[in-house]
Protein backbone atom coordinates (compact mmCIF):
# COMPACT_ATOMS: atom_id res chain seq x y z
CA MET A 1 -27.84 100.49 -26.53
CA LYS A 2 -25.30 98.32 -28.16
CA ILE A 3 -21.94 100.16 -29.70
CA VAL A 4 -21.27 99.02 -33.41
CA GLU A 5 -17.59 98.30 -33.57
CA VAL A 6 -16.59 99.62 -37.08
CA ALA A 7 -12.93 99.59 -38.81
CA VAL A 8 -12.43 102.47 -41.06
CA GLY A 9 -9.81 102.71 -43.62
CA VAL A 10 -8.63 106.29 -44.67
CA ILE A 11 -6.90 104.95 -47.85
CA LYS A 12 -4.20 107.57 -49.08
CA SER A 13 -2.22 107.63 -52.11
CA ALA A 14 -0.30 110.71 -52.56
CA ASN A 15 -2.36 113.80 -51.52
CA LYS A 16 -5.71 111.63 -52.22
CA ILE A 17 -8.16 109.67 -50.41
CA TYR A 18 -10.40 106.83 -51.55
CA ILE A 19 -14.22 107.46 -50.55
CA SER A 20 -17.18 105.78 -51.70
CA LYS A 21 -20.91 106.78 -51.67
CA ARG A 22 -23.27 104.60 -49.07
CA SER A 23 -26.47 103.19 -50.74
CA ASP A 24 -29.65 105.10 -50.08
CA ASP A 25 -31.32 101.99 -48.31
CA LEU A 26 -28.13 101.99 -45.53
CA HIS A 27 -28.07 104.06 -42.09
CA GLN A 28 -26.63 107.28 -43.11
CA GLY A 29 -27.40 106.43 -46.71
CA GLY A 30 -26.30 108.53 -49.59
CA LYS A 31 -23.68 109.90 -47.91
CA TRP A 32 -19.93 109.43 -48.67
CA GLU A 33 -17.81 107.73 -46.31
CA PHE A 34 -14.38 106.19 -45.74
CA PRO A 35 -14.62 102.28 -46.69
CA GLY A 36 -14.63 99.60 -43.73
CA GLY A 37 -17.10 97.83 -41.82
CA LYS A 38 -18.46 96.10 -38.64
CA ARG A 39 -15.64 94.22 -36.84
CA GLU A 40 -16.63 90.26 -36.23
CA ALA A 41 -16.30 88.85 -32.53
CA ASN A 42 -13.10 86.89 -33.83
CA GLU A 43 -11.42 89.72 -35.27
CA THR A 44 -8.74 92.19 -34.45
CA ILE A 45 -9.40 95.53 -36.03
CA GLU A 46 -6.36 95.30 -38.63
CA GLN A 47 -8.13 91.93 -39.76
CA ALA A 48 -11.62 93.39 -39.94
CA LEU A 49 -10.05 96.31 -42.07
CA ALA A 50 -8.06 94.15 -44.19
CA ARG A 51 -11.11 91.75 -44.76
CA GLU A 52 -13.75 94.72 -45.55
CA LEU A 53 -11.23 96.57 -48.02
CA SER A 54 -10.72 92.94 -50.02
CA GLU A 55 -14.48 92.76 -50.05
CA GLU A 56 -15.58 96.14 -50.59
CA ILE A 57 -12.86 97.59 -52.93
CA GLY A 58 -10.65 94.89 -53.83
CA ILE A 59 -7.33 95.53 -52.54
CA GLN A 60 -5.02 93.81 -50.26
CA VAL A 61 -3.82 96.09 -47.30
CA THR A 62 0.38 95.89 -46.85
CA LYS A 63 0.41 98.78 -44.54
CA GLN A 64 -1.89 100.30 -42.14
CA SER A 65 -1.60 102.26 -38.80
CA PRO A 66 -3.84 103.90 -36.16
CA PHE A 67 -5.32 107.25 -37.06
CA MET A 68 -7.89 108.28 -34.53
CA LEU A 69 -10.60 106.40 -32.55
CA ILE A 70 -14.17 108.15 -32.71
CA GLU A 71 -17.47 107.16 -30.80
CA HIS A 72 -20.64 108.82 -31.90
CA ASP A 73 -24.02 108.63 -30.98
CA TYR A 74 -26.59 109.05 -33.76
CA GLY A 75 -29.48 108.76 -31.42
CA ASP A 76 -30.93 105.54 -33.06
CA LYS A 77 -27.13 104.01 -33.26
CA LYS A 78 -23.98 104.24 -31.44
CA VAL A 79 -20.51 103.77 -33.24
CA ARG A 80 -17.03 103.30 -32.18
CA LEU A 81 -14.79 104.03 -35.43
CA ASP A 82 -11.29 102.72 -35.32
CA VAL A 83 -9.79 104.45 -37.85
CA ARG A 84 -6.65 103.15 -39.66
CA LEU A 85 -4.59 105.06 -42.33
CA VAL A 86 -3.89 102.74 -45.23
CA GLU A 87 -0.75 104.05 -47.04
CA GLY A 88 0.08 100.46 -48.64
CA PHE A 89 -1.88 97.86 -50.48
CA GLU A 90 -1.99 95.98 -53.64
CA GLY A 91 -4.75 96.04 -56.14
CA GLU A 92 -6.54 98.57 -57.87
CA ALA A 93 -9.35 100.36 -55.47
CA SER A 94 -12.74 99.93 -57.10
CA HIS A 95 -16.01 99.30 -55.62
CA GLN A 96 -16.87 95.80 -55.59
CA GLU A 97 -20.47 96.29 -54.59
CA GLY A 98 -21.46 98.57 -57.14
CA GLN A 99 -21.48 102.14 -55.15
CA GLN A 100 -20.00 105.14 -56.42
CA SER A 101 -16.76 105.42 -55.39
CA GLN A 102 -13.54 107.89 -56.33
CA TRP A 103 -10.17 109.37 -55.39
CA VAL A 104 -10.51 112.86 -53.91
CA GLU A 105 -7.84 115.52 -53.01
CA ILE A 106 -7.70 115.74 -49.50
CA ASN A 107 -8.30 119.59 -49.63
CA GLU A 108 -11.72 118.73 -51.59
CA LEU A 109 -12.82 116.32 -48.94
CA GLN A 110 -15.10 119.00 -47.18
CA GLN A 111 -17.19 119.58 -50.42
CA PHE A 112 -18.76 115.95 -49.82
CA THR A 113 -21.60 115.28 -47.58
CA PHE A 114 -20.23 112.50 -44.92
CA PRO A 115 -22.07 111.07 -41.90
CA ASP A 116 -21.31 113.36 -38.75
CA ALA A 117 -19.10 110.99 -37.19
CA ASN A 118 -16.44 111.21 -40.10
CA LYS A 119 -16.30 115.20 -39.69
CA VAL A 120 -13.43 114.94 -37.34
CA ILE A 121 -11.61 112.47 -39.69
CA ILE A 122 -12.00 114.90 -42.44
CA ASP A 123 -10.76 117.53 -40.17
CA LYS A 124 -7.56 116.01 -39.12
CA LEU A 125 -6.72 114.91 -42.74
CA VAL A 126 -7.06 118.75 -43.64
CA GLY A 127 -5.16 119.86 -41.17
CA SER A 128 -2.40 117.63 -41.78
CA LEU A 129 -1.96 119.14 -44.85
CA THR A 130 -0.56 122.39 -43.44
CA GLU A 131 1.76 120.30 -41.31
CA ASP A 132 3.55 118.56 -44.24
């Protein structure tokens, strides 16, 4: 089974994270996610994330750094999520494709339903609050 390479952006502003809801007709539809998308063959992860966030939510990334790498097998699909922390961007984050999206306090992320592969991202974010 082919592994889908995905660039994921954890977009942070103060103690809030930007999340969006997946369309019902997509894989893991109806669940919340951190914005991003598939890496094209000719792109680095950094380039893929900058392109996806520009297309999806209308921001231009000015600062991103590695956060974590996750491999997950959903049974019908395997994904490799290259998760990057986005702490610098220009523009106002708003979903360009009509999906519901919002800024959420880090300590409230666990109240939302995310795909299983995203749970470790949330755990790391919530854990970082106790380290600050």
